[in-house]
Amino acid sequence: MIIKRIDPVSAGKISGIIGVAIGLIAGVFFFLFSSMFAGAMAHQGSGFAGAMFGGVAGIVVLPLFYGVFGFIGGLVQAFIYNLAAGWVGGIRVEAE
């Protein structure tokens, strides 16, 4: 079996979903570290609300950011693959 063409929109969707998942994981870590920082700042008497907002924003912003750029990256990669496959014939895959 030879993969001769990849649908760019399909590849973009998959890359976008993977990006959202990775962004969500990164957002959770960002939230956890931001929360620890907020706790330390609260102990000092300042900065709790700002640091906590940054952590919550990370859970929302990072998945969106990773998802959008993952989608765009998938589109570009599939487009370039299709050009290259036209020149060299694609990727040969053996399956049972």
PDB file of N, CA and C in Angstrom:
ATOM      1  N   MET A   1       0.855  -1.171   0.000  1.00  0.00           N
ATOM      2  CA  MET A   1       0.000   0.000   0.000  1.00  0.00           C
ATOM      3  C   MET A   1       0.903   1.237   0.000  1.00  0.00           C
ATOM      4  N   ILE A   2       0.561   2.216  -0.820  1.00  0.00           N
ATOM      5  CA  ILE A   2       1.325   3.462  -0.902  1.00  0.00           C
ATOM      6  C   ILE A   2       0.392   4.627  -0.618  1.00  0.00           C
ATOM      7  N   ILE A   3       0.784   5.473   0.333  1.00  0.00           N
ATOM      8  CA  ILE A   3       0.013   6.679   0.634  1.00  0.00           C
ATOM      9  C   ILE A   3       0.436   7.737  -0.371  1.00  0.00           C
ATOM     10  N   LYS A   4      -0.467   8.044  -1.304  1.00  0.00           N
ATOM     11  CA  LYS A   4      -0.133   8.998  -2.356  1.00  0.00           C
ATOM     12  C   LYS A   4      -0.601  10.406  -2.036  1.00  0.00           C
ATOM     13  N   ARG A   5      -1.628  10.538  -1.193  1.00  0.00           N
ATOM     14  CA  ARG A   5      -2.152  11.872  -0.891  1.00  0.00           C
ATOM     15  C   ARG A   5      -2.787  11.864   0.491  1.00  0.00           C
ATOM     16  N   ILE A   6      -2.644  12.966   1.204  1.00  0.00           N
ATOM     17  CA  ILE A   6      -3.294  13.169   2.504  1.00  0.00           C
ATOM     18  C   ILE A   6      -4.181  14.394   2.377  1.00  0.00           C
ATOM     19  N   ASP A   7      -5.421  14.275   2.792  1.00  0.00           N
ATOM     20  CA  ASP A   7      -6.337  15.419   2.771  1.00  0.00           C
ATOM     21  C   ASP A   7      -5.864  16.441   3.800  1.00  0.00           C
ATOM     22  N   PRO A   8      -5.496  17.651   3.366  1.00  0.00           N
ATOM     23  CA  PRO A   8      -4.962  18.637   4.304  1.00  0.00           C
ATOM     24  C   PRO A   8      -5.925  19.006   5.433  1.00  0.00           C
ATOM     25  N   VAL A   9      -7.218  19.130   5.136  1.00  0.00           N
ATOM     26  CA  VAL A   9      -8.172  19.497   6.189  1.00  0.00           C
ATOM     27  C   VAL A   9      -8.291  18.371   7.215  1.00  0.00           C
ATOM     28  N   SER A  10      -8.302  17.125   6.744  1.00  0.00           N
ATOM     29  CA  SER A  10      -8.359  15.982   7.659  1.00  0.00           C
ATOM     30  C   SER A  10      -7.119  15.947   8.556  1.00  0.00           C
ATOM     31  N   ALA A  11      -5.949  16.141   7.949  1.00  0.00           N
ATOM     32  CA  ALA A  11      -4.706  16.167   8.735  1.00  0.00           C
ATOM     33  C   ALA A  11      -4.711  17.339   9.709  1.00  0.00           C
ATOM     34  N   GLY A  12      -5.245  18.481   9.264  1.00  0.00           N
ATOM     35  CA  GLY A  12      -5.332  19.650  10.141  1.00  0.00           C
ATOM     36  C   GLY A  12      -6.227  19.401  11.336  1.00  0.00           C
ATOM     37  N   LYS A  13      -7.359  18.725  11.109  1.00  0.00           N
ATOM     38  CA  LYS A  13      -8.275  18.424  12.220  1.00  0.00           C
ATOM     39  C   LYS A  13      -7.606  17.531  13.254  1.00  0.00           C
ATOM     40  N   ILE A  14      -6.945  16.479  12.782  1.00  0.00           N
ATOM     41  CA  ILE A  14      -6.274  15.562  13.716  1.00  0.00           C
ATOM     42  C   ILE A  14      -5.165  16.286  14.470  1.00  0.00           C
ATOM     43  N   SER A  15      -4.366  17.059  13.755  1.00  0.00           N
ATOM     44  CA  SER A  15      -3.287  17.814  14.412  1.00  0.00           C
ATOM     45  C   SER A  15      -3.852  18.819  15.407  1.00  0.00           C
ATOM     46  N   GLY A  16      -4.975  19.442  15.064  1.00  0.00           N
ATOM     47  CA  GLY A  16      -5.616  20.386  15.979  1.00  0.00           C
ATOM     48  C   GLY A  16      -6.104  19.715  17.247  1.00  0.00           C
ATOM     49  N   ILE A  17      -6.716  18.539  17.109  1.00  0.00           N
ATOM     50  CA  ILE A  17      -7.204  17.807  18.281  1.00  0.00           C
ATOM     51  C   ILE A  17      -6.037  17.379  19.165  1.00  0.00           C
ATOM     52  N   ILE A  18      -4.971  16.896  18.545  1.00  0.00           N
ATOM     53  CA  ILE A  18      -3.776  16.528  19.315  1.00  0.00           C
ATOM     54  C   ILE A  18      -3.209  17.759  20.017  1.00  0.00           C
ATOM     55  N   GLY A  19      -3.194  18.894  19.323  1.00  0.00           N
ATOM     56  CA  GLY A  19      -2.708  20.137  19.928  1.00  0.00           C
ATOM     57  C   GLY A  19      -3.549  20.563  21.114  1.00  0.00           C
ATOM     58  N   VAL A  20      -4.874  20.430  21.009  1.00  0.00           N
ATOM     59  CA  VAL A  20      -5.750  20.778  22.130  1.00  0.00           C
ATOM     60  C   VAL A  20      -5.450  19.882  23.329  1.00  0.00           C
ATOM     61  N   ALA A  21      -5.269  18.588  23.085  1.00  0.00           N
ATOM     62  CA  ALA A  21      -4.978  17.663  24.183  1.00  0.00           C
ATOM     63  C   ALA A  21      -3.653  18.022  24.864  1.00  0.00           C
ATOM     64  N   ILE A  22      -2.633  18.297  24.069  1.00  0.00           N
ATOM     65  CA  ILE A  22      -1.333  18.674  24.639  1.00  0.00           C
ATOM     66  C   ILE A  22      -1.441  20.023  25.350  1.00  0.00           C
ATOM     67  N   GLY A  23      -2.188  20.954  24.760  1.00  0.00           N
ATOM     68  CA  GLY A  23      -2.385  22.259  25.391  1.00  0.00           C
ATOM     69  C   GLY A  23      -3.124  22.154  26.711  1.00  0.00           C
ATOM     70  N   LEU A  24      -4.077  21.233  26.786  1.00  0.00           N
ATOM     71  CA  LEU A  24      -4.805  21.032  28.041  1.00  0.00           C
ATOM     72  C   LEU A  24      -3.881  20.484  29.122  1.00  0.00           C
ATOM     73  N   ILE A  25      -3.042  19.544  28.740  1.00  0.00           N
ATOM     74  CA  ILE A  25      -2.071  19.001  29.698  1.00  0.00           C
ATOM     75  C   ILE A  25      -1.117  20.107  30.151  1.00  0.00           C
ATOM     76  N   ALA A  26      -0.607  20.894  29.200  1.00  0.00           N
ATOM     77  CA  ALA A  26       0.287  22.003  29.550  1.00  0.00           C
ATOM     78  C   ALA A  26      -0.443  23.026  30.409  1.00  0.00           C
ATOM     79  N   GLY A  27      -1.721  23.290  30.102  1.00  0.00           N
ATOM     80  CA  GLY A  27      -2.514  24.243  30.882  1.00  0.00           C
ATOM     81  C   GLY A  27      -2.709  23.795  32.320  1.00  0.00           C
ATOM     82  N   VAL A  28      -2.912  22.494  32.504  1.00  0.00           N
ATOM     83  CA  VAL A  28      -3.076  21.974  33.872  1.00  0.00           C
ATOM     84  C   VAL A  28      -1.782  22.160  34.657  1.00  0.00           C
ATOM     85  N   PHE A  29      -0.638  21.844  34.027  1.00  0.00           N
ATOM     86  CA  PHE A  29       0.636  22.064  34.712  1.00  0.00           C
ATOM     87  C   PHE A  29       0.857  23.545  35.008  1.00  0.00           C
ATOM     88  N   PHE A  30       0.523  24.392  34.043  1.00  0.00           N
ATOM     89  CA  PHE A  30       0.642  25.832  34.238  1.00  0.00           C
ATOM     90  C   PHE A  30      -0.224  26.276  35.410  1.00  0.00           C
ATOM     91  N   PHE A  31      -1.449  25.745  35.485  1.00  0.00           N
ATOM     92  CA  PHE A  31      -2.365  26.063  36.582  1.00  0.00           C
ATOM     93  C   PHE A  31      -1.789  25.610  37.924  1.00  0.00           C
ATOM     94  N   LEU A  32      -1.251  24.389  37.965  1.00  0.00           N
ATOM     95  CA  LEU A  32      -0.714  23.873  39.224  1.00  0.00           C
ATOM     96  C   LEU A  32       0.463  24.707  39.721  1.00  0.00           C
ATOM     97  N   PHE A  33       1.393  25.005  38.826  1.00  0.00           N
ATOM     98  CA  PHE A  33       2.553  25.810  39.243  1.00  0.00           C
ATOM     99  C   PHE A  33       2.158  27.243  39.569  1.00  0.00           C
ATOM    100  N   SER A  34       1.193  27.777  38.833  1.00  0.00           N
ATOM    101  CA  SER A  34       0.711  29.119  39.119  1.00  0.00           C
ATOM    102  C   SER A  34       0.018  29.154  40.476  1.00  0.00           C
ATOM    103  N   SER A  35      -0.713  28.085  40.797  1.00  0.00           N
ATOM    104  CA  SER A  35      -1.397  28.015  42.088  1.00  0.00           C
ATOM    105  C   SER A  35      -0.391  27.943  43.236  1.00  0.00           C
ATOM    106  N   MET A  36       0.687  27.186  43.026  1.00  0.00           N
ATOM    107  CA  MET A  36       1.721  27.126  44.068  1.00  0.00           C
ATOM    108  C   MET A  36       2.374  28.495  44.244  1.00  0.00           C
ATOM    109  N   PHE A  37       2.628  29.172  43.135  1.00  0.00           N
ATOM    110  CA  PHE A  37       3.205  30.508  43.192  1.00  0.00           C
ATOM    111  C   PHE A  37       2.241  31.471  43.873  1.00  0.00           C
ATOM    112  N   ALA A  38       0.936  31.341  43.560  1.00  0.00           N
ATOM    113  CA  ALA A  38      -0.069  32.212  44.181  1.00  0.00           C
ATOM    114  C   ALA A  38      -0.120  31.980  45.681  1.00  0.00           C
ATOM    115  N   GLY A  39      -0.004  30.722  46.094  1.00  0.00           N
ATOM    116  CA  GLY A  39       0.006  30.425  47.519  1.00  0.00           C
ATOM    117  C   GLY A  39       1.202  31.031  48.220  1.00  0.00           C
ATOM    118  N   ALA A  40       2.362  30.973  47.562  1.00  0.00           N
ATOM    119  CA  ALA A  40       3.560  31.575  48.146  1.00  0.00           C
ATOM    120  C   ALA A  40       3.424  33.090  48.219  1.00  0.00           C
ATOM    121  N   MET A  41       2.830  33.692  47.192  1.00  0.00           N
ATOM    122  CA  MET A  41       2.643  35.142  47.178  1.00  0.00           C
ATOM    123  C   MET A  41       1.605  35.566  48.212  1.00  0.00           C
ATOM    124  N   ALA A  42       0.583  34.743  48.410  1.00  0.00           N
ATOM    125  CA  ALA A  42      -0.427  35.072  49.415  1.00  0.00           C
ATOM    126  C   ALA A  42       0.189  35.053  50.804  1.00  0.00           C
ATOM    127  N   HIS A  43       1.123  34.133  50.995  1.00  0.00           N
ATOM    128  CA  HIS A  43       1.813  34.074  52.273  1.00  0.00           C
ATOM    129  C   HIS A  43       2.617  35.354  52.503  1.00  0.00           C
ATOM    130  N   GLN A  44       3.130  35.927  51.442  1.00  0.00           N
ATOM    131  CA  GLN A  44       3.872  37.184  51.527  1.00  0.00           C
ATOM    132  C   GLN A  44       2.943  38.393  51.607  1.00  0.00           C
ATOM    133  N   GLY A  45       1.687  38.197  51.210  1.00  0.00           N
ATOM    134  CA  GLY A  45       0.723  39.282  51.330  1.00  0.00           C
ATOM    135  C   GLY A  45       0.353  39.980  50.038  1.00  0.00           C
ATOM    136  N   SER A  46       0.765  39.443  48.874  1.00  0.00           N
ATOM    137  CA  SER A  46       0.402  40.121  47.627  1.00  0.00           C
ATOM    138  C   SER A  46       0.406  39.146  46.466  1.00  0.00           C
ATOM    139  N   GLY A  47      -0.303  39.525  45.407  1.00  0.00           N
ATOM    140  CA  GLY A  47      -0.217  38.815  44.145  1.00  0.00           C
ATOM    141  C   GLY A  47      -1.046  37.564  43.987  1.00  0.00           C
ATOM    142  N   PHE A  48      -1.897  37.226  44.949  1.00  0.00           N
ATOM    143  CA  PHE A  48      -2.645  35.971  44.864  1.00  0.00           C
ATOM    144  C   PHE A  48      -3.608  35.963  43.694  1.00  0.00           C
ATOM    145  N   ALA A  49      -4.396  37.020  43.528  1.00  0.00           N
ATOM    146  CA  ALA A  49      -5.421  37.047  42.481  1.00  0.00           C
ATOM    147  C   ALA A  49      -4.790  37.026  41.095  1.00  0.00           C
ATOM    148  N   GLY A  50      -3.746  37.790  40.881  1.00  0.00           N
ATOM    149  CA  GLY A  50      -3.109  37.831  39.567  1.00  0.00           C
ATOM    150  C   GLY A  50      -2.497  36.503  39.177  1.00  0.00           C
ATOM    151  N   ALA A  51      -1.810  35.855  40.103  1.00  0.00           N
ATOM    152  CA  ALA A  51      -1.190  34.568  39.807  1.00  0.00           C
ATOM    153  C   ALA A  51      -2.250  33.493  39.599  1.00  0.00           C
ATOM    154  N   MET A  52      -3.322  33.545  40.369  1.00  0.00           N
ATOM    155  CA  MET A  52      -4.386  32.556  40.219  1.00  0.00           C
ATOM    156  C   MET A  52      -5.098  32.744  38.887  1.00  0.00           C
ATOM    157  N   PHE A  53      -5.332  33.991  38.472  1.00  0.00           N
ATOM    158  CA  PHE A  53      -5.967  34.253  37.181  1.00  0.00           C
ATOM    159  C   PHE A  53      -5.100  33.733  36.041  1.00  0.00           C
ATOM    160  N   GLY A  54      -3.792  33.888  36.169  1.00  0.00           N
ATOM    161  CA  GLY A  54      -2.874  33.379  35.152  1.00  0.00           C
ATOM    162  C   GLY A  54      -2.981  31.881  35.002  1.00  0.00           C
ATOM    163  N   GLY A  55      -3.149  31.165  36.085  1.00  0.00           N
ATOM    164  CA  GLY A  55      -3.297  29.709  36.025  1.00  0.00           C
ATOM    165  C   GLY A  55      -4.591  29.290  35.363  1.00  0.00           C
ATOM    166  N   VAL A  56      -5.691  29.957  35.702  1.00  0.00           N
ATOM    167  CA  VAL A  56      -6.981  29.641  35.096  1.00  0.00           C
ATOM    168  C   VAL A  56      -6.955  29.995  33.613  1.00  0.00           C
ATOM    169  N   ALA A  57      -6.362  31.119  33.269  1.00  0.00           N
ATOM    170  CA  ALA A  57      -6.257  31.528  31.868  1.00  0.00           C
ATOM    171  C   ALA A  57      -5.420  30.526  31.080  1.00  0.00           C
ATOM    172  N   GLY A  58      -4.426  29.931  31.713  1.00  0.00           N
ATOM    173  CA  GLY A  58      -3.606  28.928  31.041  1.00  0.00           C
ATOM    174  C   GLY A  58      -4.399  27.715  30.617  1.00  0.00           C
ATOM    175  N   ILE A  59      -5.370  27.312  31.427  1.00  0.00           N
ATOM    176  CA  ILE A  59      -6.196  26.159  31.085  1.00  0.00           C
ATOM    177  C   ILE A  59      -7.075  26.471  29.881  1.00  0.00           C
ATOM    178  N   VAL A  60      -7.444  27.713  29.690  1.00  0.00           N
ATOM    179  CA  VAL A  60      -8.283  28.100  28.557  1.00  0.00           C
ATOM    180  C   VAL A  60      -7.440  28.477  27.346  1.00  0.00           C
ATOM    181  N   VAL A  61      -6.423  29.294  27.551  1.00  0.00           N
ATOM    182  CA  VAL A  61      -5.655  29.861  26.442  1.00  0.00           C
ATOM    183  C   VAL A  61      -4.740  28.825  25.787  1.00  0.00           C
ATOM    184  N   LEU A  62      -4.017  28.035  26.572  1.00  0.00           N
ATOM    185  CA  LEU A  62      -3.060  27.098  25.987  1.00  0.00           C
ATOM    186  C   LEU A  62      -3.718  26.071  25.072  1.00  0.00           C
ATOM    187  N   PRO A  63      -4.828  25.424  25.453  1.00  0.00           N
ATOM    188  CA  PRO A  63      -5.460  24.502  24.501  1.00  0.00           C
ATOM    189  C   PRO A  63      -5.925  25.179  23.222  1.00  0.00           C
ATOM    190  N   LEU A  64      -6.452  26.395  23.328  1.00  0.00           N
ATOM    191  CA  LEU A  64      -6.863  27.113  22.121  1.00  0.00           C
ATOM    192  C   LEU A  64      -5.659  27.421  21.242  1.00  0.00           C
ATOM    193  N   PHE A  65      -4.614  27.926  21.849  1.00  0.00           N
ATOM    194  CA  PHE A  65      -3.390  28.274  21.126  1.00  0.00           C
ATOM    195  C   PHE A  65      -2.790  27.041  20.442  1.00  0.00           C
ATOM    196  N   TYR A  66      -2.614  25.957  21.195  1.00  0.00           N
ATOM    197  CA  TYR A  66      -2.040  24.730  20.647  1.00  0.00           C
ATOM    198  C   TYR A  66      -2.954  24.144  19.575  1.00  0.00           C
ATOM    199  N   GLY A  67      -4.270  24.210  19.786  1.00  0.00           N
ATOM    200  CA  GLY A  67      -5.214  23.665  18.818  1.00  0.00           C
ATOM    201  C   GLY A  67      -5.185  24.411  17.496  1.00  0.00           C
ATOM    202  N   VAL A  68      -5.214  25.730  17.545  1.00  0.00           N
ATOM    203  CA  VAL A  68      -5.202  26.532  16.317  1.00  0.00           C
ATOM    204  C   VAL A  68      -3.894  26.327  15.552  1.00  0.00           C
ATOM    205  N   PHE A  69      -2.778  26.416  16.251  1.00  0.00           N
ATOM    206  CA  PHE A  69      -1.511  26.257  15.560  1.00  0.00           C
ATOM    207  C   PHE A  69      -1.250  24.812  15.159  1.00  0.00           C
ATOM    208  N   GLY A  70      -1.806  23.845  15.881  1.00  0.00           N
ATOM    209  CA  GLY A  70      -1.729  22.445  15.458  1.00  0.00           C
ATOM    210  C   GLY A  70      -2.496  22.220  14.169  1.00  0.00           C
ATOM    211  N   PHE A  71      -3.681  22.836  14.062  1.00  0.00           N
ATOM    212  CA  PHE A  71      -4.478  22.735  12.839  1.00  0.00           C
ATOM    213  C   PHE A  71      -3.727  23.339  11.655  1.00  0.00           C
ATOM    214  N   ILE A  72      -3.186  24.532  11.844  1.00  0.00           N
ATOM    215  CA  ILE A  72      -2.440  25.197  10.769  1.00  0.00           C
ATOM    216  C   ILE A  72      -1.212  24.365  10.391  1.00  0.00           C
ATOM    217  N   GLY A  73      -0.521  23.846  11.387  1.00  0.00           N
ATOM    218  CA  GLY A  73       0.649  23.002  11.119  1.00  0.00           C
ATOM    219  C   GLY A  73       0.282  21.742  10.353  1.00  0.00           C
ATOM    220  N   GLY A  74      -0.842  21.123  10.699  1.00  0.00           N
ATOM    221  CA  GLY A  74      -1.298  19.925   9.986  1.00  0.00           C
ATOM    222  C   GLY A  74      -1.633  20.222   8.536  1.00  0.00           C
ATOM    223  N   LEU A  75      -2.280  21.369   8.301  1.00  0.00           N
ATOM    224  CA  LEU A  75      -2.576  21.773   6.919  1.00  0.00           C
ATOM    225  C   LEU A  75      -1.298  21.932   6.103  1.00  0.00           C
ATOM    226  N   VAL A  76      -0.342  22.648   6.652  1.00  0.00           N
ATOM    227  CA  VAL A  76       0.908  22.913   5.944  1.00  0.00           C
ATOM    228  C   VAL A  76       1.675  21.610   5.695  1.00  0.00           C
ATOM    229  N   GLN A  77       1.755  20.757   6.721  1.00  0.00           N
ATOM    230  CA  GLN A  77       2.485  19.497   6.572  1.00  0.00           C
ATOM    231  C   GLN A  77       1.848  18.597   5.521  1.00  0.00           C
ATOM    232  N   ALA A  78       0.515  18.499   5.509  1.00  0.00           N
ATOM    233  CA  ALA A  78      -0.159  17.671   4.515  1.00  0.00           C
ATOM    234  C   ALA A  78       0.037  18.239   3.118  1.00  0.00           C
ATOM    235  N   PHE A  79      -0.014  19.560   2.985  1.00  0.00           N
ATOM    236  CA  PHE A  79       0.209  20.193   1.684  1.00  0.00           C
ATOM    237  C   PHE A  79       1.614  19.883   1.167  1.00  0.00           C
ATOM    238  N   ILE A  80       2.606  20.018   2.032  1.00  0.00           N
ATOM    239  CA  ILE A  80       3.991  19.746   1.632  1.00  0.00           C
ATOM    240  C   ILE A  80       4.169  18.257   1.328  1.00  0.00           C
ATOM    241  N   TYR A  81       3.527  17.398   2.131  1.00  0.00           N
ATOM    242  CA  TYR A  81       3.606  15.956   1.857  1.00  0.00           C
ATOM    243  C   TYR A  81       3.040  15.644   0.481  1.00  0.00           C
ATOM    244  N   ASN A  82       1.897  16.242   0.155  1.00  0.00           N
ATOM    245  CA  ASN A  82       1.283  15.985  -1.143  1.00  0.00           C
ATOM    246  C   ASN A  82       2.191  16.429  -2.292  1.00  0.00           C
ATOM    247  N   LEU A  83       2.879  17.543  -2.125  1.00  0.00           N
ATOM    248  CA  LEU A  83       3.838  17.973  -3.143  1.00  0.00           C
ATOM    249  C   LEU A  83       4.983  16.963  -3.271  1.00  0.00           C
ATOM    250  N   ALA A  84       5.544  16.579  -2.155  1.00  0.00           N
ATOM    251  CA  ALA A  84       6.667  15.643  -2.162  1.00  0.00           C
ATOM    252  C   ALA A  84       6.238  14.272  -2.692  1.00  0.00           C
ATOM    253  N   ALA A  85       5.050  13.805  -2.322  1.00  0.00           N
ATOM    254  CA  ALA A  85       4.570  12.504  -2.797  1.00  0.00           C
ATOM    255  C   ALA A  85       4.359  12.521  -4.310  1.00  0.00           C
ATOM    256  N   GLY A  86       3.988  13.671  -4.849  1.00  0.00           N
ATOM    257  CA  GLY A  86       3.859  13.788  -6.292  1.00  0.00           C
ATOM    258  C   GLY A  86       5.190  13.616  -7.006  1.00  0.00           C
ATOM    259  N   TRP A  87       6.277  14.008  -6.356  1.00  0.00           N
ATOM    260  CA  TRP A  87       7.609  13.913  -6.965  1.00  0.00           C
ATOM    261  C   TRP A  87       8.213  12.525  -6.785  1.00  0.00           C
ATOM    262  N   VAL A  88       8.075  11.953  -5.580  1.00  0.00           N
ATOM    263  CA  VAL A  88       8.770  10.692  -5.283  1.00  0.00           C
ATOM    264  C   VAL A  88       7.836   9.494  -5.161  1.00  0.00           C
ATOM    265  N   GLY A  89       6.540   9.697  -5.196  1.00  0.00           N
ATOM    266  CA  GLY A  89       5.603   8.577  -5.215  1.00  0.00           C
ATOM    267  C   GLY A  89       4.943   8.239  -3.894  1.00  0.00           C
ATOM    268  N   GLY A  90       5.251   8.888  -2.821  1.00  0.00           N
ATOM    269  CA  GLY A  90       4.564   8.636  -1.554  1.00  0.00           C
ATOM    270  C   GLY A  90       5.335   7.719  -0.625  1.00  0.00           C
ATOM    271  N   ILE A  91       4.684   7.359   0.472  1.00  0.00           N
ATOM    272  CA  ILE A  91       5.278   6.487   1.491  1.00  0.00           C
ATOM    273  C   ILE A  91       4.708   5.095   1.309  1.00  0.00           C
ATOM    274  N   ARG A  92       5.590   4.118   1.241  1.00  0.00           N
ATOM    275  CA  ARG A  92       5.156   2.726   1.126  1.00  0.00           C
ATOM    276  C   ARG A  92       4.902   2.175   2.524  1.00  0.00           C
ATOM    277  N   VAL A  93       3.702   1.627   2.729  1.00  0.00           N
ATOM    278  CA  VAL A  93       3.295   1.074   4.018  1.00  0.00           C
ATOM    279  C   VAL A  93       2.897  -0.377   3.814  1.00  0.00           C
ATOM    280  N   GLU A  94       3.428  -1.247   4.658  1.00  0.00           N
ATOM    281  CA  GLU A  94       3.029  -2.649   4.600  1.00  0.00           C
ATOM    282  C   GLU A  94       2.081  -2.933   5.746  1.00  0.00           C
ATOM    283  N   ALA A  95       0.942  -3.518   5.427  1.00  0.00           N
ATOM    284  CA  ALA A  95      -0.060  -3.837   6.440  1.00  0.00           C
ATOM    285  C   ALA A  95      -0.547  -5.262   6.239  1.00  0.00           C
ATOM    286  N   GLU A  96      -0.975  -5.895   7.304  1.00  0.00           N
ATOM    287  CA  GLU A  96      -1.507  -7.258   7.202  1.00  0.00           C
ATOM    288  C   GLU A  96      -3.003  -7.228   7.154  1.00  0.00           C
TER     289      GLU A  96
END
